Amino acid sequence: MTQLKELQNIEELDQVWETSKQKPVFLFKQSTTCPISAKAFNEFNSFLDATSADFAAYFVKVRETREVSNKIAEETNVQHQSPQVLLIKDHEVLWNTSHTNITVESLEEAIKQYGV
């Protein structure tokens, strides 16, 4: 099972970009006060529990660590949304989705589509 790690500062985000050079990374952005985010985060965790694919997984609480969330949007050129999940390899976004489109099925499809 892939271990999910919380990003709390820019230095940790820099490590994500380095990790993405070695293997794919799922990066989940969430609001801790939004019920849609809570449901999407549950889907993401269910996906992590069920998959055997080799990737790293991180999450960002967008309100508590806004600087990190903003830096992700800036560096990926993907407009910020919450909840949002991005699949990153070599510091490039291969796939992303948001809100109610974050499901176990959509995440599994991204894995298949991008050969993770």
N, C-alpha and C. Protein backbone atom coordinates (compact mmCIF):
# COMPACT_ATOMS: atom_id res chain seq x y z
N MET A 1 0.83 -1.19 0.00
CA MET A 1 0.00 0.00 0.00
C MET A 1 0.88 1.25 0.00
N THR A 2 0.51 2.22 -0.81
CA THR A 2 1.24 3.48 -0.88
C THR A 2 0.93 4.32 0.34
N GLN A 3 1.98 4.88 0.94
CA GLN A 3 1.79 5.73 2.12
C GLN A 3 1.48 7.16 1.67
N LEU A 4 0.45 7.73 2.24
CA LEU A 4 0.03 9.10 1.93
C LEU A 4 0.74 10.05 2.88
N LYS A 5 1.36 11.10 2.31
CA LYS A 5 2.10 12.07 3.11
C LYS A 5 1.52 13.46 2.91
N GLU A 6 1.44 14.22 4.00
CA GLU A 6 0.95 15.60 3.92
C GLU A 6 2.10 16.55 3.62
N LEU A 7 1.85 17.48 2.69
CA LEU A 7 2.83 18.54 2.40
C LEU A 7 2.50 19.76 3.23
N GLN A 8 3.51 20.28 3.93
CA GLN A 8 3.26 21.41 4.80
C GLN A 8 4.09 22.64 4.48
N ASN A 9 5.05 22.50 3.57
CA ASN A 9 5.86 23.67 3.22
C ASN A 9 6.45 23.50 1.81
N ILE A 10 7.03 24.57 1.30
CA ILE A 10 7.57 24.60 -0.06
C ILE A 10 8.73 23.61 -0.21
N GLU A 11 9.53 23.44 0.82
CA GLU A 11 10.65 22.51 0.74
C GLU A 11 10.16 21.08 0.51
N GLU A 12 9.06 20.71 1.16
CA GLU A 12 8.49 19.39 0.95
C GLU A 12 7.93 19.27 -0.47
N LEU A 13 7.38 20.34 -0.99
CA LEU A 13 6.89 20.33 -2.37
C LEU A 13 8.05 20.14 -3.34
N ASP A 14 9.18 20.76 -3.07
CA ASP A 14 10.37 20.57 -3.92
C ASP A 14 10.76 19.09 -3.96
N GLN A 15 10.60 18.40 -2.85
CA GLN A 15 10.90 16.97 -2.81
C GLN A 15 9.92 16.17 -3.68
N VAL A 16 8.68 16.62 -3.76
CA VAL A 16 7.70 15.96 -4.63
C VAL A 16 8.18 16.02 -6.07
N TRP A 17 8.66 17.18 -6.51
CA TRP A 17 9.13 17.31 -7.89
C TRP A 17 10.31 16.37 -8.13
N GLU A 18 11.19 16.24 -7.15
CA GLU A 18 12.31 15.30 -7.28
C GLU A 18 11.82 13.85 -7.33
N THR A 19 10.88 13.51 -6.47
CA THR A 19 10.33 12.16 -6.46
C THR A 19 9.68 11.83 -7.80
N SER A 20 9.04 12.82 -8.42
CA SER A 20 8.35 12.59 -9.70
C SER A 20 9.33 12.25 -10.83
N LYS A 21 10.61 12.48 -10.61
CA LYS A 21 11.62 12.08 -11.60
C LYS A 21 11.94 10.60 -11.49
N GLN A 22 11.61 10.01 -10.33
CA GLN A 22 11.88 8.59 -10.09
C GLN A 22 10.65 7.72 -10.31
N LYS A 23 9.48 8.26 -9.96
CA LYS A 23 8.23 7.52 -10.15
C LYS A 23 7.07 8.50 -10.17
N PRO A 24 5.92 8.05 -10.67
CA PRO A 24 4.76 8.94 -10.72
C PRO A 24 4.31 9.36 -9.31
N VAL A 25 3.66 10.50 -9.27
CA VAL A 25 3.18 11.06 -8.01
C VAL A 25 1.71 11.47 -8.18
N PHE A 26 0.88 11.06 -7.24
CA PHE A 26 -0.47 11.60 -7.13
C PHE A 26 -0.43 12.69 -6.08
N LEU A 27 -0.97 13.85 -6.42
CA LEU A 27 -0.99 15.00 -5.52
C LEU A 27 -2.44 15.43 -5.36
N PHE A 28 -2.95 15.32 -4.13
CA PHE A 28 -4.35 15.61 -3.83
C PHE A 28 -4.44 16.92 -3.07
N LYS A 29 -5.28 17.83 -3.55
CA LYS A 29 -5.50 19.11 -2.88
C LYS A 29 -6.92 19.11 -2.31
N GLN A 30 -7.06 19.48 -1.04
CA GLN A 30 -8.37 19.43 -0.41
C GLN A 30 -8.62 20.60 0.53
N SER A 31 -9.88 20.90 0.70
CA SER A 31 -10.32 21.84 1.72
C SER A 31 -10.85 21.01 2.89
N THR A 32 -10.40 21.32 4.08
CA THR A 32 -10.82 20.56 5.26
C THR A 32 -12.21 20.96 5.75
N THR A 33 -12.82 21.97 5.11
CA THR A 33 -14.15 22.42 5.53
C THR A 33 -15.23 22.11 4.51
N CYS A 34 -14.89 21.40 3.45
CA CYS A 34 -15.82 21.16 2.36
C CYS A 34 -16.26 19.70 2.31
N PRO A 35 -17.55 19.43 2.32
CA PRO A 35 -18.02 18.04 2.26
C PRO A 35 -17.68 17.33 0.94
N ILE A 36 -17.60 18.08 -0.16
CA ILE A 36 -17.20 17.47 -1.43
C ILE A 36 -15.74 17.02 -1.35
N SER A 37 -14.90 17.84 -0.72
CA SER A 37 -13.50 17.47 -0.50
C SER A 37 -13.39 16.23 0.37
N ALA A 38 -14.20 16.16 1.40
CA ALA A 38 -14.16 15.00 2.30
C ALA A 38 -14.52 13.72 1.55
N LYS A 39 -15.54 13.78 0.72
CA LYS A 39 -15.94 12.60 -0.06
C LYS A 39 -14.85 12.21 -1.04
N ALA A 40 -14.28 13.20 -1.73
CA ALA A 40 -13.21 12.92 -2.69
C ALA A 40 -11.98 12.35 -1.99
N PHE A 41 -11.67 12.85 -0.80
CA PHE A 41 -10.52 12.34 -0.05
C PHE A 41 -10.76 10.89 0.37
N ASN A 42 -11.99 10.56 0.72
CA ASN A 42 -12.33 9.16 1.03
C ASN A 42 -12.13 8.28 -0.20
N GLU A 43 -12.55 8.76 -1.36
CA GLU A 43 -12.35 8.01 -2.61
C GLU A 43 -10.86 7.81 -2.87
N PHE A 44 -10.08 8.86 -2.69
CA PHE A 44 -8.63 8.79 -2.91
C PHE A 44 -8.01 7.76 -1.97
N ASN A 45 -8.38 7.79 -0.70
CA ASN A 45 -7.84 6.83 0.26
C ASN A 45 -8.27 5.40 -0.06
N SER A 46 -9.50 5.21 -0.50
CA SER A 46 -9.97 3.89 -0.91
C SER A 46 -9.14 3.38 -2.10
N PHE A 47 -8.86 4.27 -3.03
CA PHE A 47 -8.01 3.93 -4.17
C PHE A 47 -6.62 3.50 -3.69
N LEU A 48 -6.04 4.26 -2.78
CA LEU A 48 -4.71 3.93 -2.27
C LEU A 48 -4.70 2.56 -1.59
N ASP A 49 -5.75 2.26 -0.85
CA ASP A 49 -5.85 0.98 -0.16
C ASP A 49 -5.96 -0.19 -1.13
N ALA A 50 -6.56 0.05 -2.30
CA ALA A 50 -6.88 -1.04 -3.22
C ALA A 50 -5.83 -1.29 -4.29
N THR A 51 -4.99 -0.32 -4.58
CA THR A 51 -4.08 -0.45 -5.72
C THR A 51 -2.73 -1.04 -5.32
N SER A 52 -2.10 -1.69 -6.29
CA SER A 52 -0.75 -2.21 -6.07
C SER A 52 0.26 -1.47 -6.96
N ALA A 53 -0.21 -0.45 -7.68
CA ALA A 53 0.68 0.32 -8.56
C ALA A 53 1.75 1.04 -7.73
N ASP A 54 2.89 1.30 -8.38
CA ASP A 54 4.03 1.93 -7.70
C ASP A 54 4.05 3.42 -8.00
N PHE A 55 3.68 4.22 -7.02
CA PHE A 55 3.71 5.67 -7.14
C PHE A 55 3.80 6.26 -5.74
N ALA A 56 4.09 7.55 -5.66
CA ALA A 56 4.08 8.26 -4.39
C ALA A 56 2.76 9.03 -4.30
N ALA A 57 2.30 9.30 -3.07
CA ALA A 57 1.03 10.00 -2.88
C ALA A 57 1.19 11.07 -1.79
N TYR A 58 0.72 12.26 -2.11
CA TYR A 58 0.80 13.40 -1.21
C TYR A 58 -0.53 14.12 -1.19
N PHE A 59 -0.77 14.85 -0.10
CA PHE A 59 -1.96 15.72 -0.06
C PHE A 59 -1.60 17.05 0.57
N VAL A 60 -2.41 18.05 0.21
CA VAL A 60 -2.24 19.41 0.69
C VAL A 60 -3.58 19.91 1.20
N LYS A 61 -3.57 20.46 2.40
CA LYS A 61 -4.75 21.15 2.93
C LYS A 61 -4.67 22.59 2.45
N VAL A 62 -5.55 22.96 1.52
CA VAL A 62 -5.39 24.23 0.82
C VAL A 62 -5.57 25.46 1.70
N ARG A 63 -6.41 25.38 2.70
CA ARG A 63 -6.59 26.56 3.58
C ARG A 63 -5.43 26.71 4.55
N GLU A 64 -5.00 25.60 5.12
CA GLU A 64 -3.94 25.65 6.13
C GLU A 64 -2.56 25.90 5.52
N THR A 65 -2.35 25.45 4.29
CA THR A 65 -1.05 25.63 3.63
C THR A 65 -1.26 26.24 2.24
N ARG A 66 -1.87 27.40 2.24
CA ARG A 66 -2.21 28.08 0.98
C ARG A 66 -0.97 28.34 0.13
N GLU A 67 0.16 28.66 0.77
CA GLU A 67 1.38 28.93 0.01
C GLU A 67 1.77 27.72 -0.85
N VAL A 68 1.64 26.53 -0.27
CA VAL A 68 1.98 25.30 -1.00
C VAL A 68 0.97 25.08 -2.13
N SER A 69 -0.29 25.24 -1.83
CA SER A 69 -1.34 25.06 -2.83
C SER A 69 -1.15 26.02 -4.01
N ASN A 70 -0.88 27.27 -3.72
CA ASN A 70 -0.66 28.26 -4.77
C ASN A 70 0.57 27.93 -5.61
N LYS A 71 1.62 27.45 -4.96
CA LYS A 71 2.86 27.09 -5.66
C LYS A 71 2.62 25.91 -6.61
N ILE A 72 1.78 24.96 -6.21
CA ILE A 72 1.44 23.84 -7.08
C ILE A 72 0.77 24.36 -8.34
N ALA A 73 -0.22 25.23 -8.18
CA ALA A 73 -0.92 25.80 -9.34
C ALA A 73 0.04 26.57 -10.24
N GLU A 74 0.92 27.33 -9.63
CA GLU A 74 1.89 28.12 -10.38
C GLU A 74 2.86 27.24 -11.17
N GLU A 75 3.39 26.22 -10.52
CA GLU A 75 4.41 25.39 -11.17
C GLU A 75 3.85 24.39 -12.17
N THR A 76 2.58 24.02 -12.03
CA THR A 76 1.99 23.05 -12.94
C THR A 76 1.17 23.70 -14.05
N ASN A 77 0.86 24.98 -13.89
CA ASN A 77 -0.03 25.69 -14.82
C ASN A 77 -1.41 25.04 -14.89
N VAL A 78 -1.83 24.42 -13.81
CA VAL A 78 -3.17 23.86 -13.70
C VAL A 78 -3.94 24.74 -12.72
N GLN A 79 -5.04 25.30 -13.19
CA GLN A 79 -5.84 26.19 -12.35
C GLN A 79 -6.24 25.49 -11.06
N HIS A 80 -6.09 26.18 -9.94
CA HIS A 80 -6.44 25.62 -8.64
C HIS A 80 -7.93 25.31 -8.54
N GLN A 81 -8.21 24.13 -8.01
CA GLN A 81 -9.56 23.75 -7.63
C GLN A 81 -9.43 22.92 -6.36
N SER A 82 -10.51 22.80 -5.65
CA SER A 82 -10.49 21.97 -4.45
C SER A 82 -11.86 21.33 -4.26
N PRO A 83 -11.86 20.02 -4.19
CA PRO A 83 -10.73 19.09 -4.24
C PRO A 83 -10.22 18.91 -5.67
N GLN A 84 -8.97 18.50 -5.74
CA GLN A 84 -8.32 18.30 -7.04
C GLN A 84 -7.23 17.24 -6.86
N VAL A 85 -7.04 16.43 -7.89
CA VAL A 85 -5.95 15.46 -7.86
C VAL A 85 -5.19 15.56 -9.17
N LEU A 86 -3.86 15.51 -9.06
CA LEU A 86 -2.99 15.59 -10.22
C LEU A 86 -2.09 14.36 -10.24
N LEU A 87 -1.85 13.82 -11.42
CA LEU A 87 -0.88 12.74 -11.61
C LEU A 87 0.32 13.37 -12.31
N ILE A 88 1.47 13.29 -11.65
CA ILE A 88 2.67 14.00 -12.10
C ILE A 88 3.81 13.01 -12.33
N LYS A 89 4.52 13.21 -13.44
CA LYS A 89 5.74 12.44 -13.72
C LYS A 89 6.74 13.40 -14.32
N ASP A 90 7.97 13.37 -13.83
CA ASP A 90 9.03 14.26 -14.32
C ASP A 90 8.61 15.72 -14.26
N HIS A 91 7.93 16.08 -13.16
CA HIS A 91 7.51 17.46 -12.90
C HIS A 91 6.48 17.96 -13.92
N GLU A 92 5.84 17.05 -14.65
CA GLU A 92 4.79 17.42 -15.60
C GLU A 92 3.48 16.73 -15.23
N VAL A 93 2.40 17.47 -15.37
CA VAL A 93 1.08 16.91 -15.07
C VAL A 93 0.63 16.06 -16.26
N LEU A 94 0.43 14.77 -15.99
CA LEU A 94 -0.06 13.85 -17.02
C LEU A 94 -1.59 13.87 -17.08
N TRP A 95 -2.21 14.07 -15.92
CA TRP A 95 -3.66 13.95 -15.79
C TRP A 95 -4.09 14.71 -14.55
N ASN A 96 -5.30 15.27 -14.58
CA ASN A 96 -5.86 15.86 -13.37
C ASN A 96 -7.38 15.87 -13.48
N THR A 97 -8.02 15.90 -12.33
CA THR A 97 -9.47 16.02 -12.27
C THR A 97 -9.83 16.66 -10.94
N SER A 98 -11.12 16.97 -10.78
CA SER A 98 -11.52 17.65 -9.56
C SER A 98 -12.95 17.29 -9.16
N HIS A 99 -13.29 17.72 -7.98
CA HIS A 99 -14.63 17.62 -7.40
C HIS A 99 -15.18 16.19 -7.45
N THR A 100 -16.41 16.03 -7.92
CA THR A 100 -17.06 14.71 -7.89
C THR A 100 -16.49 13.75 -8.93
N ASN A 101 -15.60 14.22 -9.79
CA ASN A 101 -14.93 13.33 -10.74
C ASN A 101 -13.80 12.54 -10.09
N ILE A 102 -13.47 12.86 -8.84
CA ILE A 102 -12.44 12.10 -8.12
C ILE A 102 -13.11 10.87 -7.52
N THR A 103 -12.91 9.75 -8.21
CA THR A 103 -13.48 8.48 -7.77
C THR A 103 -12.41 7.40 -7.86
N VAL A 104 -12.64 6.30 -7.18
CA VAL A 104 -11.72 5.17 -7.29
C VAL A 104 -11.57 4.80 -8.76
N GLU A 105 -12.68 4.77 -9.48
CA GLU A 105 -12.66 4.37 -10.89
C GLU A 105 -11.85 5.34 -11.75
N SER A 106 -12.01 6.65 -11.54
CA SER A 106 -11.27 7.61 -12.36
C SER A 106 -9.77 7.54 -12.07
N LEU A 107 -9.42 7.30 -10.82
CA LEU A 107 -8.01 7.17 -10.46
C LEU A 107 -7.42 5.89 -11.04
N GLU A 108 -8.17 4.79 -11.01
CA GLU A 108 -7.70 3.55 -11.62
C GLU A 108 -7.53 3.72 -13.12
N GLU A 109 -8.44 4.44 -13.75
CA GLU A 109 -8.35 4.68 -15.19
C GLU A 109 -7.10 5.50 -15.52
N ALA A 110 -6.78 6.49 -14.69
CA ALA A 110 -5.56 7.28 -14.91
C ALA A 110 -4.33 6.40 -14.83
N ILE A 111 -4.32 5.47 -13.87
CA ILE A 111 -3.20 4.53 -13.73
C ILE A 111 -3.05 3.71 -15.02
N LYS A 112 -4.15 3.19 -15.53
CA LYS A 112 -4.12 2.38 -16.76
C LYS A 112 -3.69 3.21 -17.95
N GLN A 113 -4.26 4.40 -18.07
CA GLN A 113 -4.00 5.25 -19.22
C GLN A 113 -2.53 5.67 -19.31
N TYR A 114 -1.92 5.92 -18.17
CA TYR A 114 -0.54 6.44 -18.17
C TYR A 114 0.48 5.40 -17.76
N GLY A 115 0.07 4.16 -17.67
CA GLY A 115 1.01 3.07 -17.46
C GLY A 115 1.78 3.11 -16.16
N VAL A 116 1.12 3.58 -15.12
CA VAL A 116 1.78 3.67 -13.81
C VAL A 116 1.87 2.29 -13.20
